[in-house]
Amino acid sequence: MVKIRLQRVGTKKRPFYRVVAIDHRKRRDGAVLDNLGQYQPVLVSGEQFNVDEEKVMKWLNCGAQPTDTILNLLKKQGLWKKFLSASS
């Protein structure tokens, strides 16, 4: 099963995450199938969550399961609603 989840790449006390599609059996920092975007939780101004919408929709349509955190972020951006309306 493919998961859409966060992969930490930031330094100590300055988290920075990549949003990736990865096999659920791989480690957090293991080999990824596709990089979908980035998430910067400590960014004060600007865009914290930035993903390639086409890639995310492609992986969701292929059956990839988002983690809880990614699901919440997708809902905030409206991508989850767009996916549900497109799939039905």
PDB file of N, CA and C in Angstrom:
ATOM      1  N   MET A   1       0.837  -1.168   0.000  1.00  0.00           N
ATOM      2  CA  MET A   1       0.000   0.000   0.000  1.00  0.00           C
ATOM      3  C   MET A   1       0.890   1.242   0.000  1.00  0.00           C
ATOM      4  N   VAL A   2       0.479   2.242  -0.733  1.00  0.00           N
ATOM      5  CA  VAL A   2       1.214   3.504  -0.807  1.00  0.00           C
ATOM      6  C   VAL A   2       0.575   4.499   0.151  1.00  0.00           C
ATOM      7  N   LYS A   3       1.424   5.215   0.883  1.00  0.00           N
ATOM      8  CA  LYS A   3       0.974   6.245   1.815  1.00  0.00           C
ATOM      9  C   LYS A   3       1.494   7.596   1.354  1.00  0.00           C
ATOM     10  N   ILE A   4       0.704   8.625   1.612  1.00  0.00           N
ATOM     11  CA  ILE A   4       1.177   9.994   1.434  1.00  0.00           C
ATOM     12  C   ILE A   4       1.458  10.499   2.832  1.00  0.00           C
ATOM     13  N   ARG A   5       2.721  10.802   3.110  1.00  0.00           N
ATOM     14  CA  ARG A   5       3.096  11.183   4.465  1.00  0.00           C
ATOM     15  C   ARG A   5       4.233  12.193   4.464  1.00  0.00           C
ATOM     16  N   LEU A   6       4.612  12.640   5.663  1.00  0.00           N
ATOM     17  CA  LEU A   6       5.670  13.627   5.823  1.00  0.00           C
ATOM     18  C   LEU A   6       7.015  12.945   6.012  1.00  0.00           C
ATOM     19  N   GLN A   7       8.056  13.558   5.445  1.00  0.00           N
ATOM     20  CA  GLN A   7       9.420  13.079   5.613  1.00  0.00           C
ATOM     21  C   GLN A   7      10.239  14.253   6.142  1.00  0.00           C
ATOM     22  N   ARG A   8      10.753  14.124   7.352  1.00  0.00           N
ATOM     23  CA  ARG A   8      11.472  15.243   7.971  1.00  0.00           C
ATOM     24  C   ARG A   8      12.856  15.429   7.353  1.00  0.00           C
ATOM     25  N   VAL A   9      13.154  16.677   7.006  1.00  0.00           N
ATOM     26  CA  VAL A   9      14.468  16.999   6.461  1.00  0.00           C
ATOM     27  C   VAL A   9      15.065  18.229   7.131  1.00  0.00           C
ATOM     28  N   GLY A  10      14.388  18.827   8.092  1.00  0.00           N
ATOM     29  CA  GLY A  10      14.861  20.041   8.743  1.00  0.00           C
ATOM     30  C   GLY A  10      15.945  19.761   9.766  1.00  0.00           C
ATOM     31  N   THR A  11      16.543  20.834  10.237  1.00  0.00           N
ATOM     32  CA  THR A  11      17.575  20.715  11.253  1.00  0.00           C
ATOM     33  C   THR A  11      16.949  20.647  12.639  1.00  0.00           C
ATOM     34  N   LYS A  12      17.783  20.517  13.634  1.00  0.00           N
ATOM     35  CA  LYS A  12      17.328  20.429  15.010  1.00  0.00           C
ATOM     36  C   LYS A  12      16.562  21.700  15.393  1.00  0.00           C
ATOM     37  N   LYS A  13      15.369  21.527  15.927  1.00  0.00           N
ATOM     38  CA  LYS A  13      14.475  22.593  16.373  1.00  0.00           C
ATOM     39  C   LYS A  13      13.985  23.506  15.248  1.00  0.00           C
ATOM     40  N   ARG A  14      14.202  23.130  13.998  1.00  0.00           N
ATOM     41  CA  ARG A  14      13.679  23.874  12.852  1.00  0.00           C
ATOM     42  C   ARG A  14      13.105  22.876  11.857  1.00  0.00           C
ATOM     43  N   PRO A  15      11.936  22.312  12.171  1.00  0.00           N
ATOM     44  CA  PRO A  15      11.385  21.260  11.316  1.00  0.00           C
ATOM     45  C   PRO A  15      10.987  21.771   9.934  1.00  0.00           C
ATOM     46  N   PHE A  16      11.251  20.938   8.964  1.00  0.00           N
ATOM     47  CA  PHE A  16      10.880  21.167   7.574  1.00  0.00           C
ATOM     48  C   PHE A  16      10.555  19.790   7.021  1.00  0.00           C
ATOM     49  N   TYR A  17       9.432  19.660   6.369  1.00  0.00           N
ATOM     50  CA  TYR A  17       8.999  18.346   5.908  1.00  0.00           C
ATOM     51  C   TYR A  17       8.756  18.336   4.417  1.00  0.00           C
ATOM     52  N   ARG A  18       9.039  17.208   3.801  1.00  0.00           N
ATOM     53  CA  ARG A  18       8.631  16.957   2.430  1.00  0.00           C
ATOM     54  C   ARG A  18       7.369  16.099   2.478  1.00  0.00           C
ATOM     55  N   VAL A  19       6.442  16.385   1.585  1.00  0.00           N
ATOM     56  CA  VAL A  19       5.247  15.557   1.444  1.00  0.00           C
ATOM     57  C   VAL A  19       5.588  14.552   0.355  1.00  0.00           C
ATOM     58  N   VAL A  20       5.557  13.251   0.704  1.00  0.00           N
ATOM     59  CA  VAL A  20       6.014  12.214  -0.220  1.00  0.00           C
ATOM     60  C   VAL A  20       5.008  11.081  -0.336  1.00  0.00           C
ATOM     61  N   ALA A  21       5.066  10.408  -1.465  1.00  0.00           N
ATOM     62  CA  ALA A  21       4.352   9.145  -1.650  1.00  0.00           C
ATOM     63  C   ALA A  21       5.390   8.054  -1.440  1.00  0.00           C
ATOM     64  N   ILE A  22       5.091   7.115  -0.534  1.00  0.00           N
ATOM     65  CA  ILE A  22       6.072   6.111  -0.139  1.00  0.00           C
ATOM     66  C   ILE A  22       5.347   4.812   0.220  1.00  0.00           C
ATOM     67  N   ASP A  23       6.026   3.701   0.029  1.00  0.00           N
ATOM     68  CA  ASP A  23       5.481   2.406   0.433  1.00  0.00           C
ATOM     69  C   ASP A  23       5.363   2.395   1.959  1.00  0.00           C
ATOM     70  N   HIS A  24       4.252   1.917   2.471  1.00  0.00           N
ATOM     71  CA  HIS A  24       3.997   1.994   3.917  1.00  0.00           C
ATOM     72  C   HIS A  24       4.976   1.170   4.744  1.00  0.00           C
ATOM     73  N   ARG A  25       5.698   0.243   4.123  1.00  0.00           N
ATOM     74  CA  ARG A  25       6.650  -0.587   4.862  1.00  0.00           C
ATOM     75  C   ARG A  25       8.022   0.068   4.990  1.00  0.00           C
ATOM     76  N   LYS A  26       8.253   1.143   4.271  1.00  0.00           N
ATOM     77  CA  LYS A  26       9.549   1.833   4.313  1.00  0.00           C
ATOM     78  C   LYS A  26       9.653   2.709   5.558  1.00  0.00           C
ATOM     79  N   ARG A  27      10.892   3.013   5.945  1.00  0.00           N
ATOM     80  CA  ARG A  27      11.136   3.912   7.068  1.00  0.00           C
ATOM     81  C   ARG A  27      10.731   5.337   6.691  1.00  0.00           C
ATOM     82  N   ARG A  28      10.618   6.183   7.688  1.00  0.00           N
ATOM     83  CA  ARG A  28      10.234   7.566   7.442  1.00  0.00           C
ATOM     84  C   ARG A  28      11.164   8.244   6.442  1.00  0.00           C
ATOM     85  N   ASP A  29      12.452   7.985   6.557  1.00  0.00           N
ATOM     86  CA  ASP A  29      13.428   8.612   5.669  1.00  0.00           C
ATOM     87  C   ASP A  29      13.904   7.666   4.574  1.00  0.00           C
ATOM     88  N   GLY A  30      13.107   6.640   4.265  1.00  0.00           N
ATOM     89  CA  GLY A  30      13.476   5.668   3.244  1.00  0.00           C
ATOM     90  C   GLY A  30      13.283   6.201   1.837  1.00  0.00           C
ATOM     91  N   ALA A  31      13.465   5.316   0.873  1.00  0.00           N
ATOM     92  CA  ALA A  31      13.331   5.676  -0.535  1.00  0.00           C
ATOM     93  C   ALA A  31      11.881   6.011  -0.866  1.00  0.00           C
ATOM     94  N   VAL A  32      11.676   7.133  -1.530  1.00  0.00           N
ATOM     95  CA  VAL A  32      10.322   7.598  -1.846  1.00  0.00           C
ATOM     96  C   VAL A  32       9.976   7.270  -3.297  1.00  0.00           C
ATOM     97  N   LEU A  33       8.678   7.185  -3.558  1.00  0.00           N
ATOM     98  CA  LEU A  33       8.206   6.973  -4.920  1.00  0.00           C
ATOM     99  C   LEU A  33       8.077   8.294  -5.668  1.00  0.00           C
ATOM    100  N   ASP A  34       7.634   9.338  -4.955  1.00  0.00           N
ATOM    101  CA  ASP A  34       7.429  10.632  -5.582  1.00  0.00           C
ATOM    102  C   ASP A  34       7.406  11.729  -4.525  1.00  0.00           C
ATOM    103  N   ASN A  35       8.047  12.868  -4.822  1.00  0.00           N
ATOM    104  CA  ASN A  35       7.961  14.048  -3.964  1.00  0.00           C
ATOM    105  C   ASN A  35       6.770  14.873  -4.415  1.00  0.00           C
ATOM    106  N   LEU A  36       5.878  15.185  -3.478  1.00  0.00           N
ATOM    107  CA  LEU A  36       4.648  15.885  -3.820  1.00  0.00           C
ATOM    108  C   LEU A  36       4.639  17.345  -3.401  1.00  0.00           C
ATOM    109  N   GLY A  37       5.463  17.715  -2.447  1.00  0.00           N
ATOM    110  CA  GLY A  37       5.482  19.099  -1.996  1.00  0.00           C
ATOM    111  C   GLY A  37       6.244  19.252  -0.707  1.00  0.00           C
ATOM    112  N   GLN A  38       5.917  20.318   0.035  1.00  0.00           N
ATOM    113  CA  GLN A  38       6.618  20.594   1.285  1.00  0.00           C
ATOM    114  C   GLN A  38       5.677  21.196   2.308  1.00  0.00           C
ATOM    115  N   TYR A  39       6.085  21.063   3.574  1.00  0.00           N
ATOM    116  CA  TYR A  39       5.332  21.613   4.704  1.00  0.00           C
ATOM    117  C   TYR A  39       6.322  22.226   5.674  1.00  0.00           C
ATOM    118  N   GLN A  40       6.126  23.535   5.981  1.00  0.00           N
ATOM    119  CA  GLN A  40       7.004  24.255   6.893  1.00  0.00           C
ATOM    120  C   GLN A  40       6.174  24.775   8.064  1.00  0.00           C
ATOM    121  N   PRO A  41       6.070  24.023   9.149  1.00  0.00           N
ATOM    122  CA  PRO A  41       5.188  24.422  10.249  1.00  0.00           C
ATOM    123  C   PRO A  41       5.649  25.658  11.017  1.00  0.00           C
ATOM    124  N   VAL A  42       6.933  26.005  10.982  1.00  0.00           N
ATOM    125  CA  VAL A  42       7.420  27.152  11.753  1.00  0.00           C
ATOM    126  C   VAL A  42       7.463  28.433  10.932  1.00  0.00           C
ATOM    127  N   LEU A  43       7.057  28.386   9.689  1.00  0.00           N
ATOM    128  CA  LEU A  43       7.050  29.564   8.834  1.00  0.00           C
ATOM    129  C   LEU A  43       5.954  30.519   9.304  1.00  0.00           C
ATOM    130  N   VAL A  44       6.345  31.750   9.641  1.00  0.00           N
ATOM    131  CA  VAL A  44       5.392  32.717  10.180  1.00  0.00           C
ATOM    132  C   VAL A  44       4.575  33.359   9.060  1.00  0.00           C
ATOM    133  N   SER A  45       5.247  33.859   8.051  1.00  0.00           N
ATOM    134  CA  SER A  45       4.537  34.479   6.934  1.00  0.00           C
ATOM    135  C   SER A  45       4.751  33.648   5.682  1.00  0.00           C
ATOM    136  N   GLY A  46       3.775  33.654   4.817  1.00  0.00           N
ATOM    137  CA  GLY A  46       3.897  32.885   3.589  1.00  0.00           C
ATOM    138  C   GLY A  46       3.113  31.594   3.657  1.00  0.00           C
ATOM    139  N   GLU A  47       3.390  30.734   2.721  1.00  0.00           N
ATOM    140  CA  GLU A  47       2.642  29.498   2.580  1.00  0.00           C
ATOM    141  C   GLU A  47       3.352  28.359   3.307  1.00  0.00           C
ATOM    142  N   GLN A  48       2.688  27.809   4.324  1.00  0.00           N
ATOM    143  CA  GLN A  48       3.285  26.712   5.092  1.00  0.00           C
ATOM    144  C   GLN A  48       3.193  25.394   4.343  1.00  0.00           C
ATOM    145  N   PHE A  49       2.077  25.156   3.684  1.00  0.00           N
ATOM    146  CA  PHE A  49       1.821  23.872   3.025  1.00  0.00           C
ATOM    147  C   PHE A  49       1.729  24.115   1.524  1.00  0.00           C
ATOM    148  N   ASN A  50       2.634  23.508   0.772  1.00  0.00           N
ATOM    149  CA  ASN A  50       2.699  23.722  -0.663  1.00  0.00           C
ATOM    150  C   ASN A  50       2.873  22.369  -1.344  1.00  0.00           C
ATOM    151  N   VAL A  51       1.874  21.947  -2.140  1.00  0.00           N
ATOM    152  CA  VAL A  51       1.954  20.670  -2.829  1.00  0.00           C
ATOM    153  C   VAL A  51       1.591  20.834  -4.299  1.00  0.00           C
ATOM    154  N   ASP A  52       2.044  19.888  -5.100  1.00  0.00           N
ATOM    155  CA  ASP A  52       1.672  19.821  -6.510  1.00  0.00           C
ATOM    156  C   ASP A  52       0.318  19.114  -6.586  1.00  0.00           C
ATOM    157  N   GLU A  53      -0.708  19.878  -6.886  1.00  0.00           N
ATOM    158  CA  GLU A  53      -2.078  19.356  -6.854  1.00  0.00           C
ATOM    159  C   GLU A  53      -2.281  18.186  -7.810  1.00  0.00           C
ATOM    160  N   GLU A  54      -1.700  18.260  -8.994  1.00  0.00           N
ATOM    161  CA  GLU A  54      -1.858  17.184  -9.978  1.00  0.00           C
ATOM    162  C   GLU A  54      -1.263  15.876  -9.480  1.00  0.00           C
ATOM    163  N   LYS A  55      -0.076  15.949  -8.880  1.00  0.00           N
ATOM    164  CA  LYS A  55       0.570  14.739  -8.365  1.00  0.00           C
ATOM    165  C   LYS A  55      -0.227  14.139  -7.214  1.00  0.00           C
ATOM    166  N   VAL A  56      -0.727  14.994  -6.321  1.00  0.00           N
ATOM    167  CA  VAL A  56      -1.506  14.501  -5.180  1.00  0.00           C
ATOM    168  C   VAL A  56      -2.759  13.793  -5.676  1.00  0.00           C
ATOM    169  N   MET A  57      -3.465  14.405  -6.619  1.00  0.00           N
ATOM    170  CA  MET A  57      -4.683  13.795  -7.165  1.00  0.00           C
ATOM    171  C   MET A  57      -4.374  12.480  -7.872  1.00  0.00           C
ATOM    172  N   LYS A  58      -3.244  12.437  -8.580  1.00  0.00           N
ATOM    173  CA  LYS A  58      -2.853  11.203  -9.270  1.00  0.00           C
ATOM    174  C   LYS A  58      -2.648  10.066  -8.271  1.00  0.00           C
ATOM    175  N   TRP A  59      -1.925  10.347  -7.186  1.00  0.00           N
ATOM    176  CA  TRP A  59      -1.652   9.303  -6.199  1.00  0.00           C
ATOM    177  C   TRP A  59      -2.914   8.905  -5.436  1.00  0.00           C
ATOM    178  N   LEU A  60      -3.777   9.866  -5.125  1.00  0.00           N
ATOM    179  CA  LEU A  60      -5.027   9.527  -4.445  1.00  0.00           C
ATOM    180  C   LEU A  60      -5.911   8.667  -5.338  1.00  0.00           C
ATOM    181  N   ASN A  61      -5.959   8.982  -6.628  1.00  0.00           N
ATOM    182  CA  ASN A  61      -6.747   8.178  -7.569  1.00  0.00           C
ATOM    183  C   ASN A  61      -6.168   6.782  -7.759  1.00  0.00           C
ATOM    184  N   CYS A  62      -4.862   6.638  -7.542  1.00  0.00           N
ATOM    185  CA  CYS A  62      -4.223   5.320  -7.645  1.00  0.00           C
ATOM    186  C   CYS A  62      -4.399   4.495  -6.366  1.00  0.00           C
ATOM    187  N   GLY A  63      -5.001   5.085  -5.339  1.00  0.00           N
ATOM    188  CA  GLY A  63      -5.267   4.332  -4.114  1.00  0.00           C
ATOM    189  C   GLY A  63      -4.360   4.651  -2.949  1.00  0.00           C
ATOM    190  N   ALA A  64      -3.540   5.680  -3.049  1.00  0.00           N
ATOM    191  CA  ALA A  64      -2.665   6.057  -1.941  1.00  0.00           C
ATOM    192  C   ALA A  64      -3.501   6.569  -0.773  1.00  0.00           C
ATOM    193  N   GLN A  65      -3.089   6.225   0.442  1.00  0.00           N
ATOM    194  CA  GLN A  65      -3.793   6.617   1.656  1.00  0.00           C
ATOM    195  C   GLN A  65      -3.015   7.729   2.364  1.00  0.00           C
ATOM    196  N   PRO A  66      -3.645   8.892   2.599  1.00  0.00           N
ATOM    197  CA  PRO A  66      -2.940   9.950   3.339  1.00  0.00           C
ATOM    198  C   PRO A  66      -2.921   9.648   4.836  1.00  0.00           C
ATOM    199  N   THR A  67      -1.857  10.069   5.508  1.00  0.00           N
ATOM    200  CA  THR A  67      -1.815   9.952   6.965  1.00  0.00           C
ATOM    201  C   THR A  67      -2.765  10.987   7.553  1.00  0.00           C
ATOM    202  N   ASP A  68      -3.006  10.927   8.853  1.00  0.00           N
ATOM    203  CA  ASP A  68      -3.938  11.844   9.501  1.00  0.00           C
ATOM    204  C   ASP A  68      -3.497  13.302   9.332  1.00  0.00           C
ATOM    205  N   THR A  69      -2.209  13.567   9.500  1.00  0.00           N
ATOM    206  CA  THR A  69      -1.704  14.928   9.370  1.00  0.00           C
ATOM    207  C   THR A  69      -1.887  15.445   7.948  1.00  0.00           C
ATOM    208  N   ILE A  70      -1.537  14.631   6.974  1.00  0.00           N
ATOM    209  CA  ILE A  70      -1.683  15.029   5.580  1.00  0.00           C
ATOM    210  C   ILE A  70      -3.157  15.221   5.238  1.00  0.00           C
ATOM    211  N   LEU A  71      -4.012  14.361   5.747  1.00  0.00           N
ATOM    212  CA  LEU A  71      -5.446  14.494   5.496  1.00  0.00           C
ATOM    213  C   LEU A  71      -5.972  15.836   6.016  1.00  0.00           C
ATOM    214  N   ASN A  72      -5.547  16.227   7.215  1.00  0.00           N
ATOM    215  CA  ASN A  72      -5.968  17.514   7.768  1.00  0.00           C
ATOM    216  C   ASN A  72      -5.467  18.678   6.919  1.00  0.00           C
ATOM    217  N   LEU A  73      -4.219  18.591   6.444  1.00  0.00           N
ATOM    218  CA  LEU A  73      -3.664  19.654   5.613  1.00  0.00           C
ATOM    219  C   LEU A  73      -4.373  19.718   4.259  1.00  0.00           C
ATOM    220  N   LEU A  74      -4.701  18.560   3.685  1.00  0.00           N
ATOM    221  CA  LEU A  74      -5.425  18.539   2.417  1.00  0.00           C
ATOM    222  C   LEU A  74      -6.825  19.126   2.579  1.00  0.00           C
ATOM    223  N   LYS A  75      -7.464  18.849   3.705  1.00  0.00           N
ATOM    224  CA  LYS A  75      -8.792  19.408   3.966  1.00  0.00           C
ATOM    225  C   LYS A  75      -8.731  20.928   4.091  1.00  0.00           C
ATOM    226  N   LYS A  76      -7.687  21.449   4.746  1.00  0.00           N
ATOM    227  CA  LYS A  76      -7.543  22.895   4.896  1.00  0.00           C
ATOM    228  C   LYS A  76      -7.369  23.589   3.548  1.00  0.00           C
ATOM    229  N   GLN A  77      -6.689  22.937   2.612  1.00  0.00           N
ATOM    230  CA  GLN A  77      -6.474  23.529   1.301  1.00  0.00           C
ATOM    231  C   GLN A  77      -7.621  23.261   0.335  1.00  0.00           C
ATOM    232  N   GLY A  78      -8.540  22.390   0.708  1.00  0.00           N
ATOM    233  CA  GLY A  78      -9.677  22.096  -0.156  1.00  0.00           C
ATOM    234  C   GLY A  78      -9.419  21.005  -1.172  1.00  0.00           C
ATOM    235  N   LEU A  79      -8.245  20.382  -1.115  1.00  0.00           N
ATOM    236  CA  LEU A  79      -7.912  19.321  -2.080  1.00  0.00           C
ATOM    237  C   LEU A  79      -8.676  18.038  -1.794  1.00  0.00           C
ATOM    238  N   TRP A  80      -8.946  17.760  -0.533  1.00  0.00           N
ATOM    239  CA  TRP A  80      -9.654  16.531  -0.180  1.00  0.00           C
ATOM    240  C   TRP A  80     -11.099  16.572  -0.712  1.00  0.00           C
ATOM    241  N   LYS A  81     -11.733  17.737  -0.578  1.00  0.00           N
ATOM    242  CA  LYS A  81     -13.099  17.897  -1.082  1.00  0.00           C
ATOM    243  C   LYS A  81     -13.116  17.752  -2.600  1.00  0.00           C
ATOM    244  N   LYS A  82     -12.116  18.298  -3.262  1.00  0.00           N
ATOM    245  CA  LYS A  82     -12.007  18.197  -4.718  1.00  0.00           C
ATOM    246  C   LYS A  82     -11.817  16.730  -5.135  1.00  0.00           C
ATOM    247  N   PHE A  83     -11.012  15.993  -4.372  1.00  0.00           N
ATOM    248  CA  PHE A  83     -10.803  14.571  -4.664  1.00  0.00           C
ATOM    249  C   PHE A  83     -12.099  13.776  -4.490  1.00  0.00           C
ATOM    250  N   LEU A  84     -12.831  14.043  -3.410  1.00  0.00           N
ATOM    251  CA  LEU A  84     -14.077  13.306  -3.168  1.00  0.00           C
ATOM    252  C   LEU A  84     -15.117  13.608  -4.228  1.00  0.00           C
ATOM    253  N   SER A  85     -15.199  14.846  -4.679  1.00  0.00           N
ATOM    254  CA  SER A  85     -16.182  15.190  -5.702  1.00  0.00           C
ATOM    255  C   SER A  85     -15.789  14.619  -7.059  1.00  0.00           C
ATOM    256  N   ALA A  86     -14.501  14.510  -7.333  1.00  0.00           N
ATOM    257  CA  ALA A  86     -14.037  13.957  -8.608  1.00  0.00           C
ATOM    258  C   ALA A  86     -14.184  12.445  -8.651  1.00  0.00           C
ATOM    259  N   SER A  87     -14.060  11.791  -7.494  1.00  0.00           N
ATOM    260  CA  SER A  87     -14.114  10.326  -7.470  1.00  0.00           C
ATOM    261  C   SER A  87     -15.547   9.782  -7.482  1.00  0.00           C
ATOM    262  N   SER A  88     -16.525  10.616  -7.133  1.00  0.00           N
ATOM    263  CA  SER A  88     -17.904  10.123  -7.116  1.00  0.00           C
ATOM    264  C   SER A  88     -18.662  10.475  -8.368  1.00  0.00           C
TER     265      SER A  88
END
